[in-house]
Amino acid sequence: GQQTHVQDIVDEVERLGLRDVVLVGHSYAGIPVGQAAERIGERLARV
């Protein structure tokens, strides 16, 4: 479902321990990417 996709993105960032993250969402993916962007907090540099 849509929240599965949001969690896919958050989990990837956290699993890899990423910081200074630029999240890139194309077409439909802008919807889960925009939600994930606010959930990864200070790890985010830009969306």
All heavy atoms as atom14 arrays in JSON, in Angstrom:
{
  "sequence": "GQQTHVQDIVDEVERLGLRDVVLVGHSYAGIPVGQAAERIGERLARV",
  "atom14_mask": [
    [1, 1, 1, 1, 0, 0, 0, 0, 0, 0, 0, 0, 0, 0],
    [1, 1, 1, 1, 1, 1, 1, 1, 1, 0, 0, 0, 0, 0],
    [1, 1, 1, 1, 1, 1, 1, 1, 1, 0, 0, 0, 0, 0],
    [1, 1, 1, 1, 1, 1, 1, 0, 0, 0, 0, 0, 0, 0],
    [1, 1, 1, 1, 1, 1, 1, 1, 1, 1, 0, 0, 0, 0],
    [1, 1, 1, 1, 1, 1, 1, 0, 0, 0, 0, 0, 0, 0],
    [1, 1, 1, 1, 1, 1, 1, 1, 1, 0, 0, 0, 0, 0],
    [1, 1, 1, 1, 1, 1, 1, 1, 0, 0, 0, 0, 0, 0],
    [1, 1, 1, 1, 1, 1, 1, 1, 0, 0, 0, 0, 0, 0],
    [1, 1, 1, 1, 1, 1, 1, 0, 0, 0, 0, 0, 0, 0],
    [1, 1, 1, 1, 1, 1, 1, 1, 0, 0, 0, 0, 0, 0],
    [1, 1, 1, 1, 1, 1, 1, 1, 1, 0, 0, 0, 0, 0],
    [1, 1, 1, 1, 1, 1, 1, 0, 0, 0, 0, 0, 0, 0],
    [1, 1, 1, 1, 1, 1, 1, 1, 1, 0, 0, 0, 0, 0],
    [1, 1, 1, 1, 1, 1, 1, 1, 1, 1, 1, 0, 0, 0],
    [1, 1, 1, 1, 1, 1, 1, 1, 0, 0, 0, 0, 0, 0],
    [1, 1, 1, 1, 0, 0, 0, 0, 0, 0, 0, 0, 0, 0],
    [1, 1, 1, 1, 1, 1, 1, 1, 0, 0, 0, 0, 0, 0],
    [1, 1, 1, 1, 1, 1, 1, 1, 1, 1, 1, 0, 0, 0],
    [1, 1, 1, 1, 1, 1, 1, 1, 0, 0, 0, 0, 0, 0],
    [1, 1, 1, 1, 1, 1, 1, 0, 0, 0, 0, 0, 0, 0],
    [1, 1, 1, 1, 1, 1, 1, 0, 0, 0, 0, 0, 0, 0],
    [1, 1, 1, 1, 1, 1, 1, 1, 0, 0, 0, 0, 0, 0],
    [1, 1, 1, 1, 1, 1, 1, 0, 0, 0, 0, 0, 0, 0],
    [1, 1, 1, 1, 0, 0, 0, 0, 0, 0, 0, 0, 0, 0],
    [1, 1, 1, 1, 1, 1, 1, 1, 1, 1, 0, 0, 0, 0],
    [1, 1, 1, 1, 1, 1, 0, 0, 0, 0, 0, 0, 0, 0],
    [1, 1, 1, 1, 1, 1, 1, 1, 1, 1, 1, 1, 0, 0],
    [1, 1, 1, 1, 1, 0, 0, 0, 0, 0, 0, 0, 0, 0],
    [1, 1, 1, 1, 0, 0, 0, 0, 0, 0, 0, 0, 0, 0],
    [1, 1, 1, 1, 1, 1, 1, 1, 0, 0, 0, 0, 0, 0],
    [1, 1, 1, 1, 1, 1, 1, 0, 0, 0, 0, 0, 0, 0],
    [1, 1, 1, 1, 1, 1, 1, 0, 0, 0, 0, 0, 0, 0],
    [1, 1, 1, 1, 0, 0, 0, 0, 0, 0, 0, 0, 0, 0],
    [1, 1, 1, 1, 1, 1, 1, 1, 1, 0, 0, 0, 0, 0],
    [1, 1, 1, 1, 1, 0, 0, 0, 0, 0, 0, 0, 0, 0],
    [1, 1, 1, 1, 1, 0, 0, 0, 0, 0, 0, 0, 0, 0],
    [1, 1, 1, 1, 1, 1, 1, 1, 1, 0, 0, 0, 0, 0],
    [1, 1, 1, 1, 1, 1, 1, 1, 1, 1, 1, 0, 0, 0],
    [1, 1, 1, 1, 1, 1, 1, 1, 0, 0, 0, 0, 0, 0],
    [1, 1, 1, 1, 0, 0, 0, 0, 0, 0, 0, 0, 0, 0],
    [1, 1, 1, 1, 1, 1, 1, 1, 1, 0, 0, 0, 0, 0],
    [1, 1, 1, 1, 1, 1, 1, 1, 1, 1, 1, 0, 0, 0],
    [1, 1, 1, 1, 1, 1, 1, 1, 0, 0, 0, 0, 0, 0],
    [1, 1, 1, 1, 1, 0, 0, 0, 0, 0, 0, 0, 0, 0],
    [1, 1, 1, 1, 1, 1, 1, 1, 1, 1, 1, 0, 0, 0],
    [1, 1, 1, 1, 1, 1, 1, 0, 0, 0, 0, 0, 0, 0]
  ],
  "atom14_positions": [
    [[0.86, -1.17, 0.0], [0.0, 0.0, 0.0], [0.9, 1.22, 0.0], [2.13, 1.11, 0.03], [0.0, 0.0, 0.0], [0.0, 0.0, 0.0], [0.0, 0.0, 0.0], [0.0, 0.0, 0.0], [0.0, 0.0, 0.0], [0.0, 0.0, 0.0], [0.0, 0.0, 0.0], [0.0, 0.0, 0.0], [0.0, 0.0, 0.0], [0.0, 0.0, 0.0]],
    [[0.29, 2.39, 0.0], [1.1, 3.61, -0.06], [2.04, 3.74, 1.14], [3.22, 4.1, 0.99], [0.21, 4.84, -0.16], [1.01, 6.1, -0.42], [0.15, 7.33, -0.41], [0.37, 8.23, 0.39], [-0.85, 7.37, -1.27], [0.0, 0.0, 0.0], [0.0, 0.0, 0.0], [0.0, 0.0, 0.0], [0.0, 0.0, 0.0], [0.0, 0.0, 0.0]],
    [[1.56, 3.42, 2.33], [2.42, 3.55, 3.51], [3.54, 2.51, 3.5], [4.6, 2.73, 4.09], [1.59, 3.47, 4.78], [0.67, 4.66, 4.99], [1.39, 6.0, 4.88], [2.38, 6.22, 5.58], [0.91, 6.87, 4.01], [0.0, 0.0, 0.0], [0.0, 0.0, 0.0], [0.0, 0.0, 0.0], [0.0, 0.0, 0.0], [0.0, 0.0, 0.0]],
    [[3.32, 1.38, 2.82], [4.41, 0.43, 2.61], [5.54, 1.11, 1.86], [6.73, 0.95, 2.19], [3.94, -0.79, 1.79], [2.74, -1.29, 2.33], [5.01, -1.88, 1.77], [0.0, 0.0, 0.0], [0.0, 0.0, 0.0], [0.0, 0.0, 0.0], [0.0, 0.0, 0.0], [0.0, 0.0, 0.0], [0.0, 0.0, 0.0], [0.0, 0.0, 0.0]],
    [[5.2, 1.86, 0.84], [6.22, 2.54, 0.04], [6.94, 3.62, 0.83], [8.15, 3.81, 0.69], [5.6, 3.12, -1.23], [5.31, 2.07, -2.27], [4.69, 2.37, -3.48], [5.57, 0.74, -2.29], [4.59, 1.26, -4.18], [5.1, 0.27, -3.48], [0.0, 0.0, 0.0], [0.0, 0.0, 0.0], [0.0, 0.0, 0.0], [0.0, 0.0, 0.0]],
    [[6.2, 4.34, 1.64], [6.84, 5.33, 2.51], [7.86, 4.63, 3.42], [9.01, 5.08, 3.56], [5.8, 6.09, 3.36], [6.5, 7.05, 4.33], [4.82, 6.84, 2.46], [0.0, 0.0, 0.0], [0.0, 0.0, 0.0], [0.0, 0.0, 0.0], [0.0, 0.0, 0.0], [0.0, 0.0, 0.0], [0.0, 0.0, 0.0], [0.0, 0.0, 0.0]],
    [[7.44, 3.52, 4.01], [8.33, 2.8, 4.92], [9.52, 2.19, 4.19], [10.62, 2.11, 4.75], [7.56, 1.73, 5.68], [8.26, 1.26, 6.95], [8.49, 2.39, 7.94], [7.59, 3.18, 8.22], [9.71, 2.5, 8.45], [0.0, 0.0, 0.0], [0.0, 0.0, 0.0], [0.0, 0.0, 0.0], [0.0, 0.0, 0.0], [0.0, 0.0, 0.0]],
    [[9.31, 1.75, 2.94], [10.44, 1.25, 2.14], [11.57, 2.28, 2.1], [12.75, 1.95, 2.23], [9.99, 0.98, 0.7], [9.17, -0.28, 0.52], [9.18, -1.14, 1.42], [8.52, -0.4, -0.54], [0.0, 0.0, 0.0], [0.0, 0.0, 0.0], [0.0, 0.0, 0.0], [0.0, 0.0, 0.0], [0.0, 0.0, 0.0], [0.0, 0.0, 0.0]],
    [[11.2, 3.53, 1.88], [12.18, 4.6, 1.74], [12.84, 4.91, 3.07], [14.08, 5.01, 3.17], [11.51, 5.85, 1.15], [10.93, 5.54, -0.24], [12.51, 7.01, 1.06], [9.92, 6.56, -0.72], [0.0, 0.0, 0.0], [0.0, 0.0, 0.0], [0.0, 0.0, 0.0], [0.0, 0.0, 0.0], [0.0, 0.0, 0.0], [0.0, 0.0, 0.0]],
    [[12.04, 5.06, 4.11], [12.59, 5.34, 5.44], [13.51, 4.21, 5.88], [14.62, 4.46, 6.4], [11.45, 5.53, 6.46], [12.0, 5.66, 7.88], [10.61, 6.76, 6.1], [0.0, 0.0, 0.0], [0.0, 0.0, 0.0], [0.0, 0.0, 0.0], [0.0, 0.0, 0.0], [0.0, 0.0, 0.0], [0.0, 0.0, 0.0], [0.0, 0.0, 0.0]],
    [[13.09, 2.97, 5.66], [13.9, 1.82, 6.07], [15.24, 1.79, 5.34], [16.27, 1.43, 5.94], [13.15, 0.51, 5.81], [12.01, 0.28, 6.78], [11.92, 1.01, 7.79], [11.19, -0.64, 6.52], [0.0, 0.0, 0.0], [0.0, 0.0, 0.0], [0.0, 0.0, 0.0], [0.0, 0.0, 0.0], [0.0, 0.0, 0.0], [0.0, 0.0, 0.0]],
    [[15.24, 2.15, 4.07], [16.5, 2.14, 3.3], [17.48, 3.16, 3.86], [18.67, 2.87, 4.03], [16.21, 2.44, 1.83], [17.41, 2.37, 0.92], [17.85, 0.96, 0.58], [17.29, 0.0, 1.16], [18.75, 0.81, -0.27], [0.0, 0.0, 0.0], [0.0, 0.0, 0.0], [0.0, 0.0, 0.0], [0.0, 0.0, 0.0], [0.0, 0.0, 0.0]],
    [[17.0, 4.34, 4.16], [17.86, 5.37, 4.73], [18.41, 4.94, 6.08], [19.62, 5.08, 6.36], [17.08, 6.7, 4.86], [17.88, 7.73, 5.65], [16.72, 7.25, 3.48], [0.0, 0.0, 0.0], [0.0, 0.0, 0.0], [0.0, 0.0, 0.0], [0.0, 0.0, 0.0], [0.0, 0.0, 0.0], [0.0, 0.0, 0.0], [0.0, 0.0, 0.0]],
    [[17.55, 4.38, 6.92], [17.99, 3.99, 8.26], [18.86, 2.74, 8.22], [19.85, 2.65, 8.96], [16.77, 3.77, 9.14], [15.99, 5.07, 9.4], [14.79, 4.87, 10.3], [14.4, 3.7, 10.53], [14.24, 5.9, 10.76], [0.0, 0.0, 0.0], [0.0, 0.0, 0.0], [0.0, 0.0, 0.0], [0.0, 0.0, 0.0], [0.0, 0.0, 0.0]],
    [[18.54, 1.78, 7.35], [19.33, 0.55, 7.26], [20.77, 0.84, 6.86], [21.7, 0.23, 7.38], [18.68, -0.39, 6.25], [19.41, -1.72, 6.05], [18.71, -2.58, 5.02], [18.8, -2.03, 3.68], [19.84, -2.2, 2.87], [20.9, -2.9, 3.28], [19.85, -1.68, 1.66], [0.0, 0.0, 0.0], [0.0, 0.0, 0.0], [0.0, 0.0, 0.0]],
    [[20.94, 1.79, 5.95], [22.27, 2.12, 5.46], [22.95, 3.2, 6.3], [24.11, 3.54, 6.04], [22.19, 2.58, 4.0], [21.68, 1.53, 3.0], [21.51, 2.14, 1.62], [22.63, 0.34, 2.95], [0.0, 0.0, 0.0], [0.0, 0.0, 0.0], [0.0, 0.0, 0.0], [0.0, 0.0, 0.0], [0.0, 0.0, 0.0], [0.0, 0.0, 0.0]],
    [[22.24, 3.73, 7.28], [22.81, 4.77, 8.13], [23.16, 6.04, 7.37], [24.18, 6.68, 7.67], [0.0, 0.0, 0.0], [0.0, 0.0, 0.0], [0.0, 0.0, 0.0], [0.0, 0.0, 0.0], [0.0, 0.0, 0.0], [0.0, 0.0, 0.0], [0.0, 0.0, 0.0], [0.0, 0.0, 0.0], [0.0, 0.0, 0.0], [0.0, 0.0, 0.0]],
    [[22.33, 6.41, 6.41], [22.65, 7.53, 5.53], [22.39, 8.87, 6.2], [21.42, 9.03, 6.95], [21.83, 7.45, 4.25], [21.98, 6.18, 3.41], [21.09, 6.26, 2.18], [23.43, 5.94, 3.01], [0.0, 0.0, 0.0], [0.0, 0.0, 0.0], [0.0, 0.0, 0.0], [0.0, 0.0, 0.0], [0.0, 0.0, 0.0], [0.0, 0.0, 0.0]],
    [[23.25, 9.83, 5.89], [23.06, 11.22, 6.29], [23.34, 12.09, 5.06], [23.84, 11.62, 4.06], [23.95, 11.6, 7.46], [23.81, 10.65, 8.66], [24.51, 11.2, 9.89], [23.76, 12.31, 10.47], [22.72, 12.16, 11.29], [22.3, 10.96, 11.64], [22.11, 13.21, 11.79], [0.0, 0.0, 0.0], [0.0, 0.0, 0.0], [0.0, 0.0, 0.0]],
    [[23.01, 13.38, 5.16], [23.16, 14.29, 4.01], [22.43, 13.69, 2.81], [22.98, 13.58, 1.7], [24.63, 14.54, 3.71], [24.83, 15.73, 2.77], [23.91, 16.56, 2.68], [25.89, 15.8, 2.11], [0.0, 0.0, 0.0], [0.0, 0.0, 0.0], [0.0, 0.0, 0.0], [0.0, 0.0, 0.0], [0.0, 0.0, 0.0], [0.0, 0.0, 0.0]],
    [[21.19, 13.31, 3.05], [20.4, 12.57, 2.06], [19.62, 13.52, 1.15], [18.93, 14.43, 1.62], [19.41, 11.62, 2.76], [18.46, 10.97, 1.74], [20.16, 10.56, 3.55], [0.0, 0.0, 0.0], [0.0, 0.0, 0.0], [0.0, 0.0, 0.0], [0.0, 0.0, 0.0], [0.0, 0.0, 0.0], [0.0, 0.0, 0.0], [0.0, 0.0, 0.0]],
    [[19.74, 13.29, -0.15], [18.87, 13.92, -1.13], [17.91, 12.84, -1.61], [18.31, 11.89, -2.28], [19.65, 14.51, -2.31], [18.69, 15.03, -3.38], [20.55, 15.65, -1.83], [0.0, 0.0, 0.0], [0.0, 0.0, 0.0], [0.0, 0.0, 0.0], [0.0, 0.0, 0.0], [0.0, 0.0, 0.0], [0.0, 0.0, 0.0], [0.0, 0.0, 0.0]],
    [[16.64, 12.97, -1.23], [15.6, 12.04, -1.67], [15.05, 12.52, -3.0], [14.66, 13.69, -3.13], [14.45, 11.98, -0.66], [14.67, 11.24, 0.65], [13.38, 11.27, 1.47], [15.09, 9.8, 0.4], [0.0, 0.0, 0.0], [0.0, 0.0, 0.0], [0.0, 0.0, 0.0], [0.0, 0.0, 0.0], [0.0, 0.0, 0.0], [0.0, 0.0, 0.0]],
    [[15.0, 11.63, -3.97], [14.53, 11.98, -5.3], [13.33, 11.12, -5.64], [13.41, 9.88, -5.66], [15.65, 11.78, -6.35], [15.14, 12.18, -7.74], [16.9, 12.56, -5.97], [0.0, 0.0, 0.0], [0.0, 0.0, 0.0], [0.0, 0.0, 0.0], [0.0, 0.0, 0.0], [0.0, 0.0, 0.0], [0.0, 0.0, 0.0], [0.0, 0.0, 0.0]],
    [[12.2, 11.77, -5.9], [10.97, 11.05, -6.23], [10.46, 11.46, -7.59], [10.25, 12.65, -7.85], [0.0, 0.0, 0.0], [0.0, 0.0, 0.0], [0.0, 0.0, 0.0], [0.0, 0.0, 0.0], [0.0, 0.0, 0.0], [0.0, 0.0, 0.0], [0.0, 0.0, 0.0], [0.0, 0.0, 0.0], [0.0, 0.0, 0.0], [0.0, 0.0, 0.0]],
    [[10.28, 10.49, -8.48], [9.8, 10.76, -9.83], [8.34, 10.34, -9.96], [7.95, 9.28, -9.49], [10.67, 9.97, -10.83], [10.03, 9.79, -12.18], [9.48, 8.58, -12.58], [9.82, 10.66, -13.2], [8.99, 8.71, -13.79], [9.18, 9.96, -14.2], [0.0, 0.0, 0.0], [0.0, 0.0, 0.0], [0.0, 0.0, 0.0], [0.0, 0.0, 0.0]],
    [[7.53, 11.2, -10.58], [6.14, 10.87, -10.91], [5.38, 10.43, -9.65], [5.38, 11.14, -8.65], [6.11, 9.8, -12.02], [4.83, 9.66, -12.57], [0.0, 0.0, 0.0], [0.0, 0.0, 0.0], [0.0, 0.0, 0.0], [0.0, 0.0, 0.0], [0.0, 0.0, 0.0], [0.0, 0.0, 0.0], [0.0, 0.0, 0.0], [0.0, 0.0, 0.0]],
    [[4.72, 9.25, -9.69], [4.0, 8.78, -8.52], [4.85, 8.81, -7.26], [4.35, 9.13, -6.16], [3.5, 7.34, -8.74], [3.34, 6.57, -7.44], [2.22, 6.78, -6.64], [4.34, 5.7, -6.99], [2.1, 6.12, -5.41], [4.21, 5.04, -5.78], [3.1, 5.26, -4.99], [2.98, 4.62, -3.78], [0.0, 0.0, 0.0], [0.0, 0.0, 0.0]],
    [[6.14, 8.49, -7.37], [6.99, 8.33, -6.19], [7.17, 9.63, -5.41], [7.62, 9.6, -4.27], [8.35, 7.76, -6.58], [0.0, 0.0, 0.0], [0.0, 0.0, 0.0], [0.0, 0.0, 0.0], [0.0, 0.0, 0.0], [0.0, 0.0, 0.0], [0.0, 0.0, 0.0], [0.0, 0.0, 0.0], [0.0, 0.0, 0.0], [0.0, 0.0, 0.0]],
    [[6.8, 10.77, -6.0], [6.84, 11.99, -5.22], [5.95, 11.92, -4.0], [6.23, 12.56, -2.97], [0.0, 0.0, 0.0], [0.0, 0.0, 0.0], [0.0, 0.0, 0.0], [0.0, 0.0, 0.0], [0.0, 0.0, 0.0], [0.0, 0.0, 0.0], [0.0, 0.0, 0.0], [0.0, 0.0, 0.0], [0.0, 0.0, 0.0], [0.0, 0.0, 0.0]],
    [[4.88, 11.14, -4.08], [3.95, 11.04, -2.94], [4.59, 10.32, -1.76], [4.63, 10.86, -0.64], [2.62, 10.41, -3.39], [1.89, 11.36, -4.35], [1.74, 10.09, -2.18], [0.6, 10.81, -4.92], [0.0, 0.0, 0.0], [0.0, 0.0, 0.0], [0.0, 0.0, 0.0], [0.0, 0.0, 0.0], [0.0, 0.0, 0.0], [0.0, 0.0, 0.0]],
    [[5.12, 9.1, -1.9], [5.81, 8.5, -0.76], [7.11, 9.2, -0.39], [7.46, 9.27, 0.8], [6.06, 7.05, -1.21], [5.97, 7.06, -2.69], [4.98, 8.14, -3.03], [0.0, 0.0, 0.0], [0.0, 0.0, 0.0], [0.0, 0.0, 0.0], [0.0, 0.0, 0.0], [0.0, 0.0, 0.0], [0.0, 0.0, 0.0], [0.0, 0.0, 0.0]],
    [[7.84, 9.74, -1.36], [9.08, 10.44, -1.05], [8.81, 11.68, -0.2], [9.52, 11.96, 0.77], [9.84, 10.8, -2.35], [10.83, 11.94, -2.1], [10.57, 9.58, -2.88], [0.0, 0.0, 0.0], [0.0, 0.0, 0.0], [0.0, 0.0, 0.0], [0.0, 0.0, 0.0], [0.0, 0.0, 0.0], [0.0, 0.0, 0.0], [0.0, 0.0, 0.0]],
    [[7.77, 12.43, -0.53], [7.44, 13.61, 0.26], [7.1, 13.28, 1.69], [7.46, 14.02, 2.62], [0.0, 0.0, 0.0], [0.0, 0.0, 0.0], [0.0, 0.0, 0.0], [0.0, 0.0, 0.0], [0.0, 0.0, 0.0], [0.0, 0.0, 0.0], [0.0, 0.0, 0.0], [0.0, 0.0, 0.0], [0.0, 0.0, 0.0], [0.0, 0.0, 0.0]],
    [[6.42, 12.15, 1.91], [6.11, 11.72, 3.27], [7.35, 11.22, 4.0], [7.57, 11.53, 5.17], [5.05, 10.62, 3.23], [3.71, 11.1, 2.7], [2.76, 9.95, 2.43], [2.15, 9.4, 3.36], [2.64, 9.57, 1.16], [0.0, 0.0, 0.0], [0.0, 0.0, 0.0], [0.0, 0.0, 0.0], [0.0, 0.0, 0.0], [0.0, 0.0, 0.0]],
    [[8.18, 10.45, 3.28], [9.4, 9.94, 3.9], [10.35, 11.07, 4.27], [11.07, 10.98, 5.27], [10.09, 8.95, 2.96], [0.0, 0.0, 0.0], [0.0, 0.0, 0.0], [0.0, 0.0, 0.0], [0.0, 0.0, 0.0], [0.0, 0.0, 0.0], [0.0, 0.0, 0.0], [0.0, 0.0, 0.0], [0.0, 0.0, 0.0], [0.0, 0.0, 0.0]],
    [[10.35, 12.13, 3.47], [11.28, 13.24, 3.71], [11.08, 13.85, 5.09], [12.06, 14.19, 5.77], [11.11, 14.3, 2.63], [0.0, 0.0, 0.0], [0.0, 0.0, 0.0], [0.0, 0.0, 0.0], [0.0, 0.0, 0.0], [0.0, 0.0, 0.0], [0.0, 0.0, 0.0], [0.0, 0.0, 0.0], [0.0, 0.0, 0.0], [0.0, 0.0, 0.0]],
    [[9.83, 13.98, 5.52], [9.61, 14.57, 6.84], [9.89, 13.56, 7.96], [10.12, 13.96, 9.1], [8.2, 15.14, 6.96], [7.08, 14.13, 7.02], [5.73, 14.79, 7.37], [5.59, 16.01, 7.19], [4.83, 14.06, 7.81], [0.0, 0.0, 0.0], [0.0, 0.0, 0.0], [0.0, 0.0, 0.0], [0.0, 0.0, 0.0], [0.0, 0.0, 0.0]],
    [[9.9, 12.27, 7.63], [10.09, 11.25, 8.66], [11.55, 10.91, 8.93], [11.85, 10.32, 9.96], [9.32, 9.98, 8.28], [7.82, 10.23, 8.17], [7.02, 8.98, 7.9], [5.67, 9.34, 7.46], [4.72, 8.47, 7.19], [4.96, 7.17, 7.32], [3.52, 8.87, 6.78], [0.0, 0.0, 0.0], [0.0, 0.0, 0.0], [0.0, 0.0, 0.0]],
    [[12.45, 11.27, 8.01], [13.87, 10.96, 8.26], [14.58, 12.1, 8.97], [15.78, 12.01, 9.27], [14.62, 10.57, 6.97], [14.68, 11.73, 5.98], [13.97, 9.34, 6.33], [15.59, 11.45, 4.78], [0.0, 0.0, 0.0], [0.0, 0.0, 0.0], [0.0, 0.0, 0.0], [0.0, 0.0, 0.0], [0.0, 0.0, 0.0], [0.0, 0.0, 0.0]],
    [[13.86, 13.18, 9.24], [14.38, 14.24, 10.1], [15.67, 14.86, 9.62], [15.82, 15.22, 8.45], [0.0, 0.0, 0.0], [0.0, 0.0, 0.0], [0.0, 0.0, 0.0], [0.0, 0.0, 0.0], [0.0, 0.0, 0.0], [0.0, 0.0, 0.0], [0.0, 0.0, 0.0], [0.0, 0.0, 0.0], [0.0, 0.0, 0.0], [0.0, 0.0, 0.0]],
    [[16.64, 14.96, 10.54], [17.88, 15.67, 10.24], [18.77, 14.93, 9.24], [19.78, 15.47, 8.78], [18.66, 15.89, 11.53], [19.11, 14.61, 12.22], [19.87, 14.88, 13.51], [19.87, 16.03, 13.97], [20.47, 13.93, 14.04], [0.0, 0.0, 0.0], [0.0, 0.0, 0.0], [0.0, 0.0, 0.0], [0.0, 0.0, 0.0], [0.0, 0.0, 0.0]],
    [[18.41, 13.71, 8.89], [19.18, 13.02, 7.85], [18.98, 13.66, 6.47], [19.8, 13.49, 5.57], [18.76, 11.55, 7.76], [19.06, 10.71, 9.0], [18.51, 9.3, 8.83], [18.7, 8.48, 10.01], [19.77, 7.71, 10.23], [20.74, 7.68, 9.34], [19.86, 6.98, 11.32], [0.0, 0.0, 0.0], [0.0, 0.0, 0.0], [0.0, 0.0, 0.0]],
    [[17.88, 14.39, 6.3], [17.52, 14.96, 5.01], [18.29, 16.23, 4.72], [18.33, 17.16, 5.54], [16.02, 15.28, 4.97], [15.51, 15.88, 3.66], [15.47, 14.81, 2.57], [14.15, 16.52, 3.85], [0.0, 0.0, 0.0], [0.0, 0.0, 0.0], [0.0, 0.0, 0.0], [0.0, 0.0, 0.0], [0.0, 0.0, 0.0], [0.0, 0.0, 0.0]],
    [[18.89, 16.3, 3.51], [19.49, 17.54, 3.03], [18.52, 18.27, 2.11], [18.37, 19.49, 2.19], [20.79, 17.24, 2.29], [0.0, 0.0, 0.0], [0.0, 0.0, 0.0], [0.0, 0.0, 0.0], [0.0, 0.0, 0.0], [0.0, 0.0, 0.0], [0.0, 0.0, 0.0], [0.0, 0.0, 0.0], [0.0, 0.0, 0.0], [0.0, 0.0, 0.0]],
    [[17.88, 17.51, 1.22], [16.94, 18.12, 0.27], [16.08, 17.03, -0.34], [16.48, 15.86, -0.4], [17.68, 18.88, -0.83], [16.8, 19.84, -1.63], [17.63, 20.83, -2.44], [16.77, 21.89, -2.97], [16.43, 23.0, -2.32], [16.9, 23.2, -1.09], [15.66, 23.92, -2.86], [0.0, 0.0, 0.0], [0.0, 0.0, 0.0], [0.0, 0.0, 0.0]],
    [[14.91, 17.4, -0.79], [14.06, 16.48, -1.55], [13.88, 17.06, -2.96], [13.75, 18.28, -3.12], [12.7, 16.25, -0.85], [11.95, 17.53, -0.63], [11.86, 15.25, -1.63], [0.0, 0.0, 0.0], [0.0, 0.0, 0.0], [0.0, 0.0, 0.0], [0.0, 0.0, 0.0], [0.0, 0.0, 0.0], [0.0, 0.0, 0.0], [0.0, 0.0, 0.0]]
  ]
}
